[in-house]
N, C-alpha and C. Protein backbone atom coordinates (compact mmCIF):
# COMPACT_ATOMS: atom_id res chain seq x y z
N UNK A 1 -94.32 12.43 -37.10
CA UNK A 1 -93.38 11.30 -37.33
C UNK A 1 -93.27 10.30 -36.43
N UNK A 2 -93.69 9.10 -36.79
CA UNK A 2 -93.82 7.75 -36.01
C UNK A 2 -92.43 7.05 -36.22
N UNK A 3 -91.58 6.91 -35.18
CA UNK A 3 -90.19 6.46 -35.20
C UNK A 3 -90.24 5.22 -34.43
N UNK A 4 -89.97 3.89 -35.35
CA UNK A 4 -90.12 2.85 -34.41
C UNK A 4 -88.83 1.81 -34.71
N UNK A 5 -87.60 2.71 -34.70
CA UNK A 5 -86.30 1.99 -34.81
C UNK A 5 -85.54 1.83 -33.43
N UNK A 6 -85.53 0.39 -32.89
CA UNK A 6 -84.98 0.22 -31.76
C UNK A 6 -83.66 -0.26 -31.69
N UNK A 7 -83.12 -0.14 -30.48
CA UNK A 7 -81.72 -0.87 -30.55
C UNK A 7 -81.60 -2.19 -31.01
N UNK A 8 -82.53 -2.98 -30.71
CA UNK A 8 -82.44 -4.57 -31.10
C UNK A 8 -82.65 -4.46 -32.71
N UNK A 9 -83.07 -3.46 -33.46
CA UNK A 9 -83.22 -3.44 -34.95
C UNK A 9 -81.77 -3.09 -35.39
N UNK A 10 -81.03 -2.16 -34.53
CA UNK A 10 -79.99 -1.66 -34.68
C UNK A 10 -78.87 -2.98 -34.74
N UNK A 11 -78.93 -3.68 -33.52
CA UNK A 11 -78.04 -4.74 -33.41
C UNK A 11 -78.26 -5.84 -34.40
N UNK A 12 -79.43 -6.07 -34.74
CA UNK A 12 -79.94 -7.07 -35.82
C UNK A 12 -79.20 -6.85 -37.12
N UNK A 13 -79.27 -5.31 -37.36
CA UNK A 13 -78.62 -5.16 -38.86
C UNK A 13 -77.25 -5.24 -38.79
N UNK A 14 -76.59 -5.01 -37.78
CA UNK A 14 -75.06 -5.25 -37.48
C UNK A 14 -74.84 -6.78 -37.55
N UNK A 15 -75.67 -7.53 -36.79
CA UNK A 15 -75.28 -8.90 -36.82
C UNK A 15 -75.53 -9.44 -38.21
N UNK A 16 -76.26 -9.36 -39.01
CA UNK A 16 -76.17 -9.87 -40.37
C UNK A 16 -74.83 -9.75 -41.03
N UNK A 17 -74.60 -8.45 -41.14
CA UNK A 17 -73.28 -8.20 -41.55
C UNK A 17 -72.16 -9.01 -40.86
N UNK A 18 -71.92 -9.01 -39.67
CA UNK A 18 -70.95 -9.54 -38.90
C UNK A 18 -71.02 -10.99 -39.21
N UNK A 19 -71.95 -11.77 -39.17
CA UNK A 19 -72.32 -12.92 -39.06
C UNK A 19 -71.75 -13.50 -40.59
N UNK A 20 -72.17 -12.83 -41.41
CA UNK A 20 -71.85 -13.27 -42.75
C UNK A 20 -70.17 -13.16 -43.05
N UNK A 21 -69.68 -12.25 -42.90
CA UNK A 21 -68.24 -11.91 -42.81
C UNK A 21 -67.56 -12.95 -41.89
N UNK A 22 -67.96 -12.95 -40.55
CA UNK A 22 -67.29 -14.28 -39.72
C UNK A 22 -67.43 -15.62 -40.41
N UNK A 23 -68.50 -15.98 -41.07
CA UNK A 23 -68.78 -17.30 -41.55
C UNK A 23 -67.56 -17.42 -42.72
N UNK A 24 -67.76 -16.24 -43.44
CA UNK A 24 -66.66 -16.33 -44.68
C UNK A 24 -64.99 -16.63 -44.31
N UNK A 25 -64.85 -15.79 -43.44
CA UNK A 25 -63.35 -15.68 -42.80
C UNK A 25 -63.23 -16.83 -41.97
N UNK A 26 -64.12 -17.67 -41.84
CA UNK A 26 -64.11 -19.15 -40.86
C UNK A 26 -63.43 -18.68 -39.41
N UNK A 27 -64.25 -17.75 -38.76
CA UNK A 27 -63.82 -17.51 -37.32
C UNK A 27 -64.68 -18.47 -36.63
N UNK A 28 -63.89 -19.05 -35.72
CA UNK A 28 -64.37 -20.12 -34.86
C UNK A 28 -65.54 -19.83 -34.06
N UNK A 29 -66.41 -20.57 -33.85
CA UNK A 29 -67.63 -20.30 -32.93
C UNK A 29 -68.45 -19.04 -33.22
N UNK A 30 -68.51 -18.55 -34.56
CA UNK A 30 -69.14 -17.45 -34.99
C UNK A 30 -70.47 -17.44 -34.61
N UNK A 31 -71.20 -18.58 -34.73
CA UNK A 31 -72.84 -18.66 -34.44
C UNK A 31 -73.02 -18.32 -33.07
N UNK A 32 -72.24 -18.52 -32.05
CA UNK A 32 -72.39 -18.16 -30.43
C UNK A 32 -71.59 -16.92 -29.99
N UNK A 33 -71.07 -16.22 -30.96
CA UNK A 33 -70.35 -14.88 -30.28
C UNK A 33 -71.43 -13.79 -30.49
N UNK A 34 -71.05 -12.78 -29.75
CA UNK A 34 -71.98 -11.62 -29.79
C UNK A 34 -71.53 -10.81 -30.82
N UNK A 35 -71.90 -9.62 -31.02
CA UNK A 35 -71.56 -8.61 -32.02
C UNK A 35 -70.30 -8.07 -31.49
N UNK A 36 -70.00 -7.68 -30.57
CA UNK A 36 -68.71 -7.18 -30.06
C UNK A 36 -67.44 -8.27 -30.36
N UNK A 37 -67.72 -9.47 -30.08
CA UNK A 37 -66.67 -10.42 -30.07
C UNK A 37 -66.56 -10.63 -31.82
N UNK A 38 -67.41 -10.69 -32.55
CA UNK A 38 -67.48 -10.97 -33.90
C UNK A 38 -66.62 -9.77 -34.46
N UNK A 39 -67.03 -8.47 -34.13
CA UNK A 39 -66.38 -7.38 -34.62
C UNK A 39 -65.03 -7.51 -34.49
N UNK A 40 -64.58 -7.63 -33.14
CA UNK A 40 -63.19 -7.94 -32.57
C UNK A 40 -62.31 -8.82 -33.42
N UNK A 41 -63.05 -10.14 -33.64
CA UNK A 41 -62.57 -11.14 -34.47
C UNK A 41 -62.41 -10.83 -35.84
N UNK A 42 -63.05 -10.10 -36.31
CA UNK A 42 -63.21 -9.78 -37.73
C UNK A 42 -62.00 -8.55 -37.91
N UNK A 43 -61.81 -7.77 -37.03
CA UNK A 43 -60.85 -6.52 -36.92
C UNK A 43 -59.31 -7.28 -36.68
N UNK A 44 -59.36 -8.36 -36.28
CA UNK A 44 -57.96 -9.03 -35.93
C UNK A 44 -57.40 -9.85 -37.07
N UNK A 45 -58.24 -10.04 -38.00
CA UNK A 45 -57.72 -10.75 -39.32
C UNK A 45 -56.65 -9.89 -40.14
N UNK A 46 -55.57 -10.30 -40.27
CA UNK A 46 -54.70 -9.67 -40.82
C UNK A 46 -54.45 -9.82 -42.25
N UNK A 47 -55.16 -10.76 -43.12
CA UNK A 47 -55.25 -10.80 -44.38
C UNK A 47 -55.58 -9.53 -44.99
N UNK A 48 -54.91 -8.92 -46.28
CA UNK A 48 -55.18 -7.72 -46.62
C UNK A 48 -56.42 -7.55 -47.18
N UNK A 49 -57.06 -8.82 -47.62
CA UNK A 49 -58.47 -8.69 -48.15
C UNK A 49 -59.59 -8.26 -46.84
N UNK A 50 -59.25 -8.87 -45.61
CA UNK A 50 -60.26 -8.65 -44.69
C UNK A 50 -59.97 -7.13 -44.16
N UNK A 51 -58.76 -6.39 -44.37
CA UNK A 51 -58.70 -5.23 -44.09
C UNK A 51 -59.47 -4.15 -44.77
N UNK A 52 -59.41 -4.52 -46.28
CA UNK A 52 -60.54 -3.91 -46.96
C UNK A 52 -61.94 -3.92 -46.57
N UNK A 53 -62.23 -5.43 -46.10
CA UNK A 53 -63.65 -5.35 -45.67
C UNK A 53 -63.74 -4.68 -44.40
N UNK A 54 -62.67 -4.72 -43.64
CA UNK A 54 -62.80 -3.94 -42.26
C UNK A 54 -63.11 -2.58 -42.38
N UNK A 55 -62.42 -1.81 -43.34
CA UNK A 55 -62.79 -0.39 -43.69
C UNK A 55 -64.03 -0.19 -44.15
N UNK A 56 -64.76 -1.08 -45.04
CA UNK A 56 -66.00 -0.87 -45.65
C UNK A 56 -66.96 -1.09 -44.50
N UNK A 57 -66.84 -2.13 -43.64
CA UNK A 57 -67.60 -2.44 -42.40
C UNK A 57 -67.70 -1.43 -41.31
N UNK A 58 -66.39 -0.64 -41.38
CA UNK A 58 -66.35 0.57 -40.47
C UNK A 58 -67.17 1.67 -40.95
N UNK A 59 -67.08 1.93 -42.31
CA UNK A 59 -68.07 2.98 -42.88
C UNK A 59 -69.44 2.75 -42.91
N UNK A 60 -69.75 1.30 -43.06
CA UNK A 60 -71.28 1.04 -42.98
C UNK A 60 -71.62 1.16 -41.53
N UNK A 61 -71.09 0.66 -40.59
CA UNK A 61 -71.49 0.83 -39.16
C UNK A 61 -71.53 2.54 -38.82
N UNK A 62 -70.68 3.26 -39.28
CA UNK A 62 -70.63 4.72 -38.82
C UNK A 62 -71.70 5.19 -39.66
N UNK A 63 -72.05 5.05 -40.78
CA UNK A 63 -73.24 5.57 -41.49
C UNK A 63 -74.48 5.20 -40.88
N UNK A 64 -74.55 3.88 -40.64
CA UNK A 64 -75.87 3.36 -40.00
C UNK A 64 -76.02 3.79 -38.53
N UNK A 65 -74.93 4.07 -37.81
CA UNK A 65 -75.03 4.77 -36.54
C UNK A 65 -75.78 6.46 -36.69
N UNK A 66 -75.15 7.10 -37.57
CA UNK A 66 -75.61 8.22 -37.67
C UNK A 66 -77.05 8.46 -38.15
N UNK A 67 -77.50 7.52 -38.95
CA UNK A 67 -78.81 7.48 -39.38
C UNK A 67 -79.93 7.13 -38.13
N UNK A 68 -79.14 6.12 -37.51
CA UNK A 68 -80.06 5.66 -36.34
C UNK A 68 -79.98 6.73 -35.20
N UNK A 69 -78.99 7.54 -34.91
CA UNK A 69 -78.89 8.35 -33.92
C UNK A 69 -79.88 9.63 -34.41
N UNK A 70 -79.69 9.88 -35.66
CA UNK A 70 -80.96 11.09 -36.13
C UNK A 70 -82.16 10.73 -35.79
N UNK A 71 -82.50 9.39 -35.76
CA UNK A 71 -84.04 8.94 -35.67
C UNK A 71 -84.11 8.93 -34.02
N UNK A 72 -83.09 8.65 -33.46
CA UNK A 72 -83.34 8.61 -31.78
C UNK A 72 -83.54 9.90 -31.24
N UNK A 73 -82.90 11.00 -32.06
CA UNK A 73 -82.98 12.30 -31.55
C UNK A 73 -84.33 12.82 -31.62
N UNK A 74 -84.99 12.52 -32.92
CA UNK A 74 -86.26 13.09 -33.28
C UNK A 74 -87.18 12.10 -32.37
N UNK A 75 -87.08 10.89 -32.14
CA UNK A 75 -87.85 10.07 -31.42
C UNK A 75 -87.89 10.76 -29.76
N UNK A 76 -86.83 11.14 -29.49
CA UNK A 76 -86.71 11.77 -27.98
C UNK A 76 -87.67 13.10 -27.88
N UNK A 77 -87.34 13.94 -29.10
CA UNK A 77 -88.32 15.20 -29.26
C UNK A 77 -89.83 14.84 -29.18
N UNK A 78 -90.23 13.65 -29.86
CA UNK A 78 -91.49 13.37 -29.99
C UNK A 78 -92.08 12.98 -28.63
N UNK A 79 -91.29 12.13 -27.96
CA UNK A 79 -91.71 11.57 -26.74
C UNK A 79 -91.95 12.44 -25.72
N UNK A 80 -90.94 13.56 -25.77
CA UNK A 80 -91.04 14.69 -24.67
C UNK A 80 -92.38 15.55 -24.95
N UNK A 81 -92.67 15.72 -26.24
CA UNK A 81 -93.82 16.65 -26.37
C UNK A 81 -95.11 16.05 -26.55
N UNK A 82 -95.13 14.70 -26.68
CA UNK A 82 -96.44 13.79 -26.80
C UNK A 82 -97.09 13.89 -28.15
N UNK A 83 -96.59 14.60 -29.03
CA UNK A 83 -97.07 14.55 -30.49
C UNK A 83 -96.17 14.36 -31.25
N UNK A 84 -96.54 13.81 -32.40
CA UNK A 84 -95.48 13.31 -33.45
C UNK A 84 -94.69 14.63 -33.90
N UNK A 85 -93.42 14.36 -34.09
CA UNK A 85 -92.37 15.41 -34.51
C UNK A 85 -92.54 15.51 -36.01
N UNK A 86 -92.67 16.51 -36.62
CA UNK A 86 -92.58 16.86 -38.26
C UNK A 86 -91.41 17.43 -38.43
N UNK A 87 -90.65 16.88 -39.49
CA UNK A 87 -89.32 17.22 -39.82
C UNK A 87 -89.69 18.36 -40.83
N UNK A 88 -88.43 19.36 -40.57
CA UNK A 88 -88.52 20.49 -41.36
C UNK A 88 -87.58 20.32 -42.72
N UNK A 89 -87.92 21.29 -43.46
CA UNK A 89 -87.07 21.07 -44.88
C UNK A 89 -85.45 20.61 -44.71
N UNK A 90 -84.82 21.29 -43.68
CA UNK A 90 -83.45 21.02 -43.34
C UNK A 90 -83.31 19.62 -42.90
N UNK A 91 -84.09 19.33 -42.00
CA UNK A 91 -84.09 17.75 -41.55
C UNK A 91 -84.39 16.84 -42.49
N UNK A 92 -85.33 17.02 -43.37
CA UNK A 92 -85.78 15.97 -44.45
C UNK A 92 -84.29 15.79 -45.32
N UNK A 93 -83.65 17.10 -45.68
CA UNK A 93 -82.59 16.96 -46.52
C UNK A 93 -81.65 16.21 -45.73
N UNK A 94 -81.32 16.63 -44.51
CA UNK A 94 -80.31 15.76 -43.78
C UNK A 94 -80.55 14.29 -43.48
N UNK A 95 -82.19 13.99 -43.34
CA UNK A 95 -82.36 12.43 -43.31
C UNK A 95 -81.97 11.84 -44.73
N UNK A 96 -82.32 12.64 -45.85
CA UNK A 96 -82.10 11.92 -46.98
C UNK A 96 -80.38 11.64 -47.31
N UNK A 97 -79.57 12.74 -46.93
CA UNK A 97 -78.28 12.35 -47.13
C UNK A 97 -77.98 11.14 -46.00
N UNK A 98 -78.30 11.00 -44.80
CA UNK A 98 -77.96 9.99 -44.15
C UNK A 98 -78.51 8.68 -44.49
N UNK A 99 -79.77 8.72 -45.04
CA UNK A 99 -80.04 7.37 -45.93
C UNK A 99 -79.20 6.89 -46.88
N UNK A 100 -78.99 7.96 -47.85
CA UNK A 100 -78.01 7.64 -48.93
C UNK A 100 -76.83 7.08 -48.54
N UNK A 101 -76.27 7.69 -47.40
CA UNK A 101 -74.79 7.24 -47.10
C UNK A 101 -74.90 5.88 -46.41
N UNK A 102 -75.97 5.46 -45.63
CA UNK A 102 -76.20 4.38 -45.21
C UNK A 102 -76.30 3.34 -46.14
N UNK A 103 -77.16 3.64 -47.21
CA UNK A 103 -77.17 2.61 -48.16
C UNK A 103 -76.06 2.26 -49.25
N UNK A 104 -75.22 3.58 -49.54
CA UNK A 104 -74.02 3.47 -50.38
C UNK A 104 -73.18 2.54 -49.77
N UNK A 105 -73.12 2.82 -48.41
CA UNK A 105 -71.97 2.15 -47.70
C UNK A 105 -72.24 0.53 -47.68
N UNK A 106 -73.54 0.28 -47.32
CA UNK A 106 -73.90 -1.07 -47.30
C UNK A 106 -73.73 -1.67 -48.59
N UNK A 107 -74.10 -1.01 -49.69
CA UNK A 107 -73.98 -1.57 -51.06
C UNK A 107 -72.50 -1.68 -51.39
N UNK A 108 -71.39 -0.96 -51.07
CA UNK A 108 -69.89 -0.89 -51.13
C UNK A 108 -69.60 -2.19 -50.42
N UNK A 109 -70.24 -2.12 -49.09
CA UNK A 109 -69.68 -3.39 -48.38
C UNK A 109 -70.12 -4.92 -49.06
N UNK A 110 -71.30 -4.81 -49.43
CA UNK A 110 -71.96 -6.19 -50.18
C UNK A 110 -71.24 -6.40 -51.46
N UNK A 111 -70.75 -5.56 -52.30
CA UNK A 111 -70.29 -5.58 -53.55
C UNK A 111 -68.95 -6.36 -53.15
N UNK A 112 -68.08 -5.62 -52.17
CA UNK A 112 -66.83 -6.35 -52.13
C UNK A 112 -66.83 -7.69 -51.45
N UNK A 113 -67.67 -7.97 -50.73
CA UNK A 113 -68.14 -9.25 -50.22
C UNK A 113 -68.44 -10.24 -51.29
N UNK A 114 -69.35 -9.92 -52.17
CA UNK A 114 -69.67 -10.83 -53.51
C UNK A 114 -68.42 -10.94 -54.11
N UNK A 115 -67.45 -9.88 -54.48
CA UNK A 115 -66.25 -10.27 -55.13
C UNK A 115 -65.42 -11.30 -54.45
N UNK A 116 -65.44 -11.16 -53.04
CA UNK A 116 -64.60 -12.24 -52.21
C UNK A 116 -65.08 -13.59 -52.40
N UNK A 117 -66.48 -13.49 -52.18
CA UNK A 117 -66.99 -15.04 -52.42
C UNK A 117 -66.84 -15.49 -53.84
N UNK A 118 -66.93 -14.68 -54.93
CA UNK A 118 -66.79 -15.10 -56.34
C UNK A 118 -65.36 -15.68 -56.55
N UNK A 119 -64.47 -15.06 -55.98
CA UNK A 119 -63.06 -15.03 -56.12
C UNK A 119 -62.61 -16.58 -55.36
N UNK A 120 -63.31 -16.67 -53.97
CA UNK A 120 -62.97 -17.91 -53.40
C UNK A 120 -63.63 -19.13 -54.05
N UNK A 121 -64.81 -18.87 -54.73
CA UNK A 121 -65.35 -20.05 -55.37
C UNK A 121 -64.32 -20.35 -56.60
N UNK A 122 -63.87 -19.52 -57.25
CA UNK A 122 -63.02 -19.68 -58.48
C UNK A 122 -61.74 -20.26 -58.03
N UNK A 123 -61.28 -19.82 -56.63
CA UNK A 123 -60.05 -20.72 -56.31
C UNK A 123 -60.26 -22.16 -55.77
N UNK A 124 -61.65 -22.40 -55.63
CA UNK A 124 -61.77 -23.78 -55.10
C UNK A 124 -62.10 -24.60 -56.16
N UNK A 125 -62.68 -23.94 -57.25
CA UNK A 125 -62.71 -24.77 -58.42
C UNK A 125 -61.54 -24.98 -59.38
N UNK A 126 -60.84 -23.83 -59.43
CA UNK A 126 -59.56 -23.78 -60.50
C UNK A 126 -58.24 -23.67 -59.90
N UNK A 127 -58.11 -23.53 -58.50
CA UNK A 127 -56.90 -23.45 -57.95
C UNK A 127 -56.39 -21.84 -57.99
N UNK A 128 -55.13 -21.70 -57.48
CA UNK A 128 -54.92 -20.17 -57.53
C UNK A 128 -54.05 -19.76 -58.72
N UNK A 129 -53.56 -20.91 -59.59
CA UNK A 129 -53.04 -20.46 -60.59
C UNK A 129 -53.95 -20.03 -61.82
N UNK A 130 -55.28 -19.78 -61.83
CA UNK A 130 -55.99 -19.48 -62.92
C UNK A 130 -55.64 -18.25 -63.74
N UNK A 131 -55.05 -17.31 -63.07
CA UNK A 131 -54.67 -16.14 -63.57
C UNK A 131 -53.33 -16.40 -64.45
N UNK A 132 -52.80 -17.45 -64.53
CA UNK A 132 -51.65 -17.76 -65.35
C UNK A 132 -52.12 -18.32 -66.65
N UNK A 133 -53.39 -18.78 -66.70
CA UNK A 133 -53.88 -19.38 -67.94
C UNK A 133 -53.97 -18.24 -69.11
N UNK A 134 -53.53 -18.56 -70.17
CA UNK A 134 -53.65 -17.71 -71.36
C UNK A 134 -54.36 -18.45 -72.27
N UNK A 135 -55.15 -17.69 -72.97
CA UNK A 135 -55.96 -18.26 -74.11
C UNK A 135 -55.32 -17.93 -75.32
N UNK A 136 -54.76 -18.79 -76.29
CA UNK A 136 -54.13 -18.61 -77.33
C UNK A 136 -55.23 -18.48 -78.71
N UNK A 137 -54.94 -17.52 -79.48
CA UNK A 137 -55.83 -17.40 -80.79
C UNK A 137 -55.23 -18.27 -81.99
């Protein structure tokens, strides 16, 4: 098993999520802040919508880290022996679960973020009283 997932790949995946959220929540200087600063800024938003996003972001980062750490452990085994490491049936199953968890948590985060963006566009176009509009038959 040839593993080529690096710490910079991990940081880049997290950066994409943080950057998009920071821009949406209008965090000042998001372009120049590092991941830790962006994460802290996002965590400090008190808006209830941001809290939902924070929970989903935590789940995504946690599942990503579990998947990443699994690969790093196997990479270490492979490097120590000098030969490619072959996953056994149990490890393949574990990897499948980790990948599924990572993808599901990212999908959940993306869906909620899409909902937020759609609602923000609606508010900008129609104002906040759109829910009060009733259509008569």
